[in-house]
Amino acid sequence: MSWLGRIKFRTCGLIVERFLSYDAPAFTCALSELGIRSGDVLMVHSSLHAHSGYRDRPIDMIDALKCTLGSTGLLVMPSMTYTDSSKAFLSRGVEMKVRHSASKMGLLTEVFRRGKDVKRSLSPTHPLAAWGDRAEMFLAGHEKTDRPFGPDSPFQRLLELDGKILCIDTIPDAVTFTHFLEDRIQDKLPFPLYERDHYTGKVVDGDGRLHSVPTRVLSDDSRRYRREDVLWDKATARGVIRRKKVGNTTLMVLLCRELEALVENMYANGESLFSCRDHEQELGQTPLGGSASD
């Protein structure tokens, strides 16, 4: 970072500290205003940074979430152990150790993962951490499906339990639930959602037993043609995303059923989560509804 960049960074930090900081009680109030209630099933994606303005400890934010949800609620966070692709991770043959492999999805998720009574699913690529009376039920069998966000995964239960998704200073593209929605419409795509080759992930459970878990990964085409900006623009326009600012942190809440209904409506109207037209043109095909000269 240049000297000018360092000055800007420090100046921004001072402004945030003086005018845009907040604590765990303020965060709790914001959750209430966003409609997070006792008994809710809540999945949290977070990316707090130096200028988010949060001045308490990560554990205080986690406690605020737990207190808001109460004893009948369920708190869920991702705890993936890599920052590149699932395909690259599986190709390395690294074991995902349920007790010891650190979450690479931000400090909040790692502090949460280490917390008391927090359970972790046995998916090699998309392990979820969960707290609450229903945690074991929610996570059960994640290792028994080769599609980490398929119909037999905890993401199906997130939908069935009327789950909510909270983004803390992170963009909607980080929401893993969208992959579950993609899995549901994969038959409508002109390319395979998943790679044809199957991979095997290695998972060491809480008792030290090694599991070999067949796992499918998203295809290169699905990553190439994905257009999540279209989904989030529509979600914003239709009020599916609820936003609130607390300090210098942006909070966003989505309801899983509303997001599911939005995607179903898009496909009913001939719209897609992917740029299928680009795919067809690259194959030299005529896009649906067009002529060869379009």
Protein backbone atom coordinates (compact mmCIF):
# COMPACT_ATOMS: atom_id res chain seq x y z
CA MET A 1 0.00 0.00 0.00
CA SER A 2 1.36 3.44 -0.93
CA TRP A 3 1.82 6.21 1.65
CA LEU A 4 -1.27 7.94 0.27
CA GLY A 5 -3.22 4.69 0.55
CA ARG A 6 -2.09 4.28 4.16
CA ILE A 7 -3.19 7.82 5.00
CA LYS A 8 -6.62 7.23 3.43
CA PHE A 9 -6.98 3.93 5.28
CA ARG A 10 -6.11 5.49 8.65
CA THR A 11 -8.34 8.51 8.03
CA CYS A 12 -11.24 6.25 7.12
CA GLY A 13 -10.61 4.23 10.27
CA LEU A 14 -10.70 7.35 12.46
CA ILE A 15 -13.96 8.53 10.88
CA VAL A 16 -15.59 5.13 11.35
CA GLU A 17 -14.35 4.88 14.95
CA ARG A 18 -15.66 8.36 15.79
CA PHE A 19 -18.96 8.43 13.92
CA LEU A 20 -19.86 4.98 12.57
CA SER A 21 -19.01 2.47 15.28
CA TYR A 22 -21.48 0.22 17.10
CA ASP A 23 -21.59 -2.52 19.71
CA ALA A 24 -23.38 -5.82 20.25
CA PRO A 25 -26.52 -4.25 21.82
CA ALA A 26 -26.91 -2.01 18.75
CA PHE A 27 -26.51 -5.09 16.57
CA THR A 28 -29.26 -6.83 18.56
CA CYS A 29 -31.60 -3.89 17.97
CA ALA A 30 -30.86 -4.01 14.24
CA LEU A 31 -31.71 -7.72 14.15
CA SER A 32 -35.08 -6.98 15.71
CA GLU A 33 -35.79 -4.21 13.22
CA LEU A 34 -34.98 -6.62 10.38
CA GLY A 35 -37.56 -9.10 11.66
CA ILE A 36 -35.26 -11.69 13.24
CA ARG A 37 -37.28 -13.32 16.02
CA SER A 38 -37.04 -15.93 18.75
CA GLY A 39 -37.38 -19.43 17.29
CA ASP A 40 -36.14 -18.46 13.82
CA VAL A 41 -33.87 -20.65 11.72
CA LEU A 42 -31.11 -18.28 10.60
CA MET A 43 -28.12 -18.86 8.33
CA VAL A 44 -25.45 -16.18 8.61
CA HIS A 45 -22.84 -15.12 6.05
CA SER A 46 -20.35 -12.53 7.29
CA SER A 47 -17.36 -10.54 6.12
CA LEU A 48 -16.58 -8.00 8.83
CA HIS A 49 -13.53 -5.88 8.08
CA ALA A 50 -11.41 -3.16 9.67
CA HIS A 51 -13.84 -0.40 8.69
CA SER A 52 -17.11 -2.19 9.50
CA GLY A 53 -17.31 -0.20 12.72
CA TYR A 54 -18.03 -3.13 15.03
CA ARG A 55 -16.11 -2.52 18.26
CA ASP A 56 -17.00 -5.55 20.41
CA ARG A 57 -15.63 -9.08 20.21
CA PRO A 58 -16.82 -11.64 17.63
CA ILE A 59 -18.16 -13.80 20.46
CA ASP A 60 -20.36 -10.89 21.57
CA MET A 61 -21.97 -10.74 18.13
CA ILE A 62 -22.51 -14.50 18.20
CA ASP A 63 -24.07 -14.24 21.66
CA ALA A 64 -26.36 -11.49 20.35
CA LEU A 65 -27.50 -13.81 17.57
CA LYS A 66 -28.09 -16.67 20.01
CA CYS A 67 -30.01 -14.48 22.45
CA THR A 68 -32.20 -13.17 19.64
CA LEU A 69 -33.02 -16.67 18.35
CA GLY A 70 -33.47 -18.14 21.81
CA SER A 71 -33.44 -21.76 22.92
CA THR A 72 -35.93 -22.81 20.23
CA GLY A 73 -34.02 -21.13 17.40
CA LEU A 74 -31.32 -22.49 15.12
CA LEU A 75 -28.16 -20.59 14.15
CA VAL A 76 -26.23 -21.82 11.10
CA MET A 77 -22.99 -20.65 9.49
CA PRO A 78 -20.84 -21.97 6.63
CA SER A 79 -17.48 -23.43 7.65
CA MET A 80 -15.74 -24.27 4.38
CA THR A 81 -12.05 -24.98 4.85
CA TYR A 82 -10.71 -23.49 1.61
CA THR A 83 -10.95 -20.25 -0.35
CA ASP A 84 -10.60 -21.51 -3.92
CA SER A 85 -12.94 -23.92 -5.73
CA SER A 86 -14.42 -27.19 -4.45
CA LYS A 87 -12.80 -28.94 -7.40
CA ALA A 88 -9.35 -27.65 -6.49
CA PHE A 89 -9.85 -28.56 -2.83
CA LEU A 90 -10.93 -32.13 -3.60
CA SER A 91 -8.09 -32.55 -6.08
CA ARG A 92 -5.60 -31.84 -3.30
CA GLY A 93 -6.92 -34.79 -1.29
CA VAL A 94 -6.93 -32.81 1.97
CA GLU A 95 -8.96 -34.22 4.86
CA MET A 96 -11.75 -32.11 6.33
CA LYS A 97 -11.42 -32.72 10.06
CA VAL A 98 -14.68 -31.87 11.77
CA ARG A 99 -13.06 -30.95 15.08
CA HIS A 100 -9.88 -29.31 13.86
CA SER A 101 -10.14 -27.95 10.29
CA ALA A 102 -10.57 -24.19 10.58
CA SER A 103 -13.32 -22.35 8.75
CA LYS A 104 -11.99 -20.01 6.07
CA MET A 105 -15.32 -18.15 5.79
CA GLY A 106 -14.34 -15.28 8.07
CA LEU A 107 -13.37 -14.87 11.73
CA LEU A 108 -16.97 -14.89 12.95
CA THR A 109 -17.57 -18.37 11.49
CA GLU A 110 -14.41 -19.79 13.06
CA VAL A 111 -15.22 -18.38 16.51
CA PHE A 112 -18.74 -19.78 16.14
CA ARG A 113 -17.45 -23.19 15.02
CA ARG A 114 -15.33 -23.48 18.15
CA GLY A 115 -18.20 -22.53 20.44
CA LYS A 116 -19.96 -24.71 23.00
CA ASP A 117 -22.70 -27.03 21.69
CA VAL A 118 -21.96 -26.16 18.05
CA LYS A 119 -22.26 -29.13 15.67
CA ARG A 120 -20.67 -29.48 12.24
CA SER A 121 -21.86 -31.45 9.22
CA LEU A 122 -19.68 -34.05 7.50
CA SER A 123 -19.67 -32.56 4.01
CA PRO A 124 -16.07 -32.36 2.73
CA THR A 125 -16.70 -29.26 0.61
CA HIS A 126 -19.60 -27.38 2.26
CA PRO A 127 -19.64 -28.26 5.98
CA LEU A 128 -22.16 -26.27 7.97
CA ALA A 129 -21.87 -25.37 11.65
CA ALA A 130 -25.08 -25.16 13.66
CA TRP A 131 -26.21 -24.30 17.20
CA GLY A 132 -29.59 -24.97 18.78
CA ASP A 133 -31.83 -27.82 19.87
CA ARG A 134 -32.38 -28.86 16.23
CA ALA A 135 -28.73 -28.66 15.15
CA GLU A 136 -28.09 -32.40 14.85
CA MET A 137 -31.34 -32.98 12.99
CA PHE A 138 -30.58 -30.11 10.65
CA LEU A 139 -27.08 -31.34 9.78
CA ALA A 140 -27.78 -35.08 9.70
CA GLY A 141 -26.78 -37.01 6.60
CA HIS A 142 -24.91 -34.22 4.81
CA GLU A 143 -22.19 -36.76 4.03
CA LYS A 144 -24.70 -39.20 2.51
CA THR A 145 -25.48 -37.09 -0.54
CA ASP A 146 -23.08 -36.41 -3.39
CA ARG A 147 -24.70 -32.99 -3.97
CA PRO A 148 -23.73 -30.77 -1.00
CA PHE A 149 -26.65 -28.41 -1.65
CA GLY A 150 -29.08 -30.91 -3.20
CA PRO A 151 -32.53 -32.07 -2.03
CA ASP A 152 -31.04 -34.40 0.61
CA SER A 153 -28.83 -31.70 2.13
CA PRO A 154 -29.41 -29.31 5.04
CA PHE A 155 -30.25 -26.60 2.48
CA GLN A 156 -33.52 -28.42 1.78
CA ARG A 157 -34.28 -28.25 5.51
CA LEU A 158 -33.41 -24.56 5.52
CA LEU A 159 -36.25 -24.09 3.05
CA GLU A 160 -38.67 -26.45 4.82
CA LEU A 161 -38.08 -24.72 8.17
CA ASP A 162 -38.86 -21.29 6.69
CA GLY A 163 -35.26 -20.27 7.16
CA LYS A 164 -33.90 -16.76 6.93
CA ILE A 165 -30.49 -15.67 5.66
CA LEU A 166 -28.52 -12.81 7.21
CA CYS A 167 -25.62 -11.18 5.38
CA ILE A 168 -23.28 -9.12 7.57
CA ASP A 169 -21.18 -6.80 5.42
CA THR A 170 -21.04 -9.32 2.60
CA ILE A 171 -22.53 -9.31 -0.87
CA PRO A 172 -25.51 -11.53 -1.76
CA ASP A 173 -23.28 -13.55 -4.10
CA ALA A 174 -21.88 -15.21 -0.96
CA VAL A 175 -25.25 -16.83 -0.22
CA THR A 176 -24.79 -20.60 -0.69
CA PHE A 177 -28.56 -21.17 -0.74
CA THR A 178 -28.60 -19.96 -4.36
CA HIS A 179 -26.70 -23.13 -5.34
CA PHE A 180 -29.56 -25.12 -3.82
CA LEU A 181 -31.99 -23.19 -6.03
CA GLU A 182 -29.76 -23.85 -9.04
CA ASP A 183 -29.81 -27.56 -8.24
CA ARG A 184 -33.62 -27.49 -8.36
CA ILE A 185 -33.71 -26.06 -11.90
CA GLN A 186 -30.71 -27.89 -13.36
CA ASP A 187 -32.87 -29.84 -15.83
CA LYS A 188 -33.82 -26.54 -17.48
CA LEU A 189 -30.21 -25.62 -18.27
CA PRO A 190 -28.58 -26.16 -21.70
CA PHE A 191 -25.38 -27.31 -19.97
CA PRO A 192 -24.69 -29.59 -16.99
CA LEU A 193 -24.80 -27.85 -13.62
CA TYR A 194 -22.27 -30.33 -12.24
CA GLU A 195 -19.05 -31.74 -13.63
CA ARG A 196 -19.52 -35.17 -15.17
CA ASP A 197 -16.64 -36.59 -13.15
CA HIS A 198 -17.28 -37.55 -9.54
CA TYR A 199 -14.80 -36.69 -6.82
CA THR A 200 -14.24 -38.20 -3.40
CA GLY A 201 -13.75 -36.07 -0.32
CA LYS A 202 -12.11 -37.20 2.90
CA VAL A 203 -13.80 -36.36 6.20
CA VAL A 204 -12.61 -37.18 9.71
CA ASP A 205 -15.57 -37.20 12.10
CA GLY A 206 -15.65 -36.25 15.77
CA ASP A 207 -14.55 -39.73 16.82
CA GLY A 208 -11.55 -39.74 14.50
CA ARG A 209 -13.07 -42.05 11.88
CA LEU A 210 -12.22 -41.39 8.25
CA HIS A 211 -15.10 -41.21 5.76
CA SER A 212 -14.80 -41.24 1.98
CA VAL A 213 -17.61 -39.04 0.66
CA PRO A 214 -18.52 -39.05 -3.07
CA THR A 215 -19.00 -35.41 -4.03
CA ARG A 216 -20.07 -33.60 -7.17
CA VAL A 217 -18.76 -30.14 -7.97
CA LEU A 218 -20.25 -27.31 -10.01
CA SER A 219 -19.23 -27.32 -13.65
CA ASP A 220 -16.99 -24.75 -15.28
CA ASP A 221 -19.94 -23.77 -17.50
CA SER A 222 -22.18 -23.08 -14.52
CA ARG A 223 -19.58 -20.76 -13.02
CA ARG A 224 -18.92 -19.12 -16.37
CA TYR A 225 -22.54 -18.37 -17.26
CA ARG A 226 -23.94 -17.64 -13.80
CA ARG A 227 -25.65 -14.24 -13.61
CA GLU A 228 -26.48 -13.72 -9.96
CA ASP A 229 -26.68 -9.98 -10.53
CA VAL A 230 -29.96 -10.57 -12.39
CA LEU A 231 -31.38 -12.44 -9.39
CA TRP A 232 -30.28 -9.84 -6.86
CA ASP A 233 -31.53 -6.92 -8.95
CA LYS A 234 -34.96 -8.55 -9.07
CA ALA A 235 -34.81 -9.43 -5.38
CA THR A 236 -34.07 -5.80 -4.55
CA ALA A 237 -36.79 -4.46 -6.85
CA ARG A 238 -39.42 -6.78 -5.34
CA GLY A 239 -38.45 -6.21 -1.73
CA VAL A 240 -37.12 -9.72 -1.18
CA ILE A 241 -33.95 -8.25 0.33
CA ARG A 242 -34.35 -6.22 3.52
CA ARG A 243 -31.42 -3.92 4.22
CA LYS A 244 -30.33 -1.94 7.26
CA LYS A 245 -27.23 -0.03 8.19
CA VAL A 246 -25.78 -0.31 11.70
CA GLY A 247 -22.63 1.72 12.19
CA ASN A 248 -20.66 1.24 8.99
CA THR A 249 -21.97 -2.31 8.51
CA THR A 250 -24.64 -3.25 5.99
CA LEU A 251 -27.05 -5.97 7.09
CA MET A 252 -29.27 -7.83 4.63
CA VAL A 253 -32.00 -10.37 5.38
CA LEU A 254 -33.61 -12.74 2.88
CA LEU A 255 -36.40 -15.24 3.42
CA CYS A 256 -35.66 -18.58 1.77
CA ARG A 257 -39.25 -19.15 0.64
CA GLU A 258 -39.42 -15.70 -0.94
CA LEU A 259 -36.17 -16.33 -2.79
CA GLU A 260 -37.43 -19.73 -3.96
CA ALA A 261 -40.68 -18.16 -5.21
CA LEU A 262 -38.74 -15.45 -7.04
CA VAL A 263 -36.61 -18.00 -8.91
CA GLU A 264 -39.68 -20.07 -9.81
CA ASN A 265 -41.38 -16.93 -11.12
CA MET A 266 -38.31 -16.05 -13.19
CA TYR A 267 -38.32 -19.45 -14.91
CA ALA A 268 -42.08 -19.35 -15.42
CA ASN A 269 -41.50 -16.12 -17.35
CA GLY A 270 -38.63 -17.48 -19.45
CA GLU A 271 -35.87 -15.87 -17.39
CA SER A 272 -32.78 -17.61 -16.08
CA LEU A 273 -30.11 -17.44 -13.40
CA PHE A 274 -27.59 -18.10 -16.15
CA SER A 275 -26.66 -16.39 -19.40
CA CYS A 276 -27.96 -19.23 -21.58
CA ARG A 277 -27.94 -16.97 -24.66
CA ASP A 278 -24.16 -16.56 -24.39
CA HIS A 279 -23.78 -20.32 -24.11
CA GLU A 280 -25.91 -20.97 -27.18
CA GLN A 281 -24.11 -18.34 -29.24
CA GLU A 282 -20.73 -19.82 -28.36
CA LEU A 283 -22.01 -23.18 -29.59
CA GLY A 284 -23.19 -21.55 -32.81
CA GLN A 285 -26.84 -22.16 -31.97
CA THR A 286 -29.75 -19.79 -32.52
CA PRO A 287 -30.97 -18.46 -29.16
CA LEU A 288 -34.54 -19.30 -28.26
CA GLY A 289 -36.98 -16.75 -29.63
CA GLY A 290 -34.46 -15.25 -32.06
CA SER A 291 -33.33 -15.62 -35.64
CA ALA A 292 -29.94 -16.48 -37.03
CA SER A 293 -29.31 -12.81 -37.76
CA ASP A 294 -30.04 -11.61 -34.18
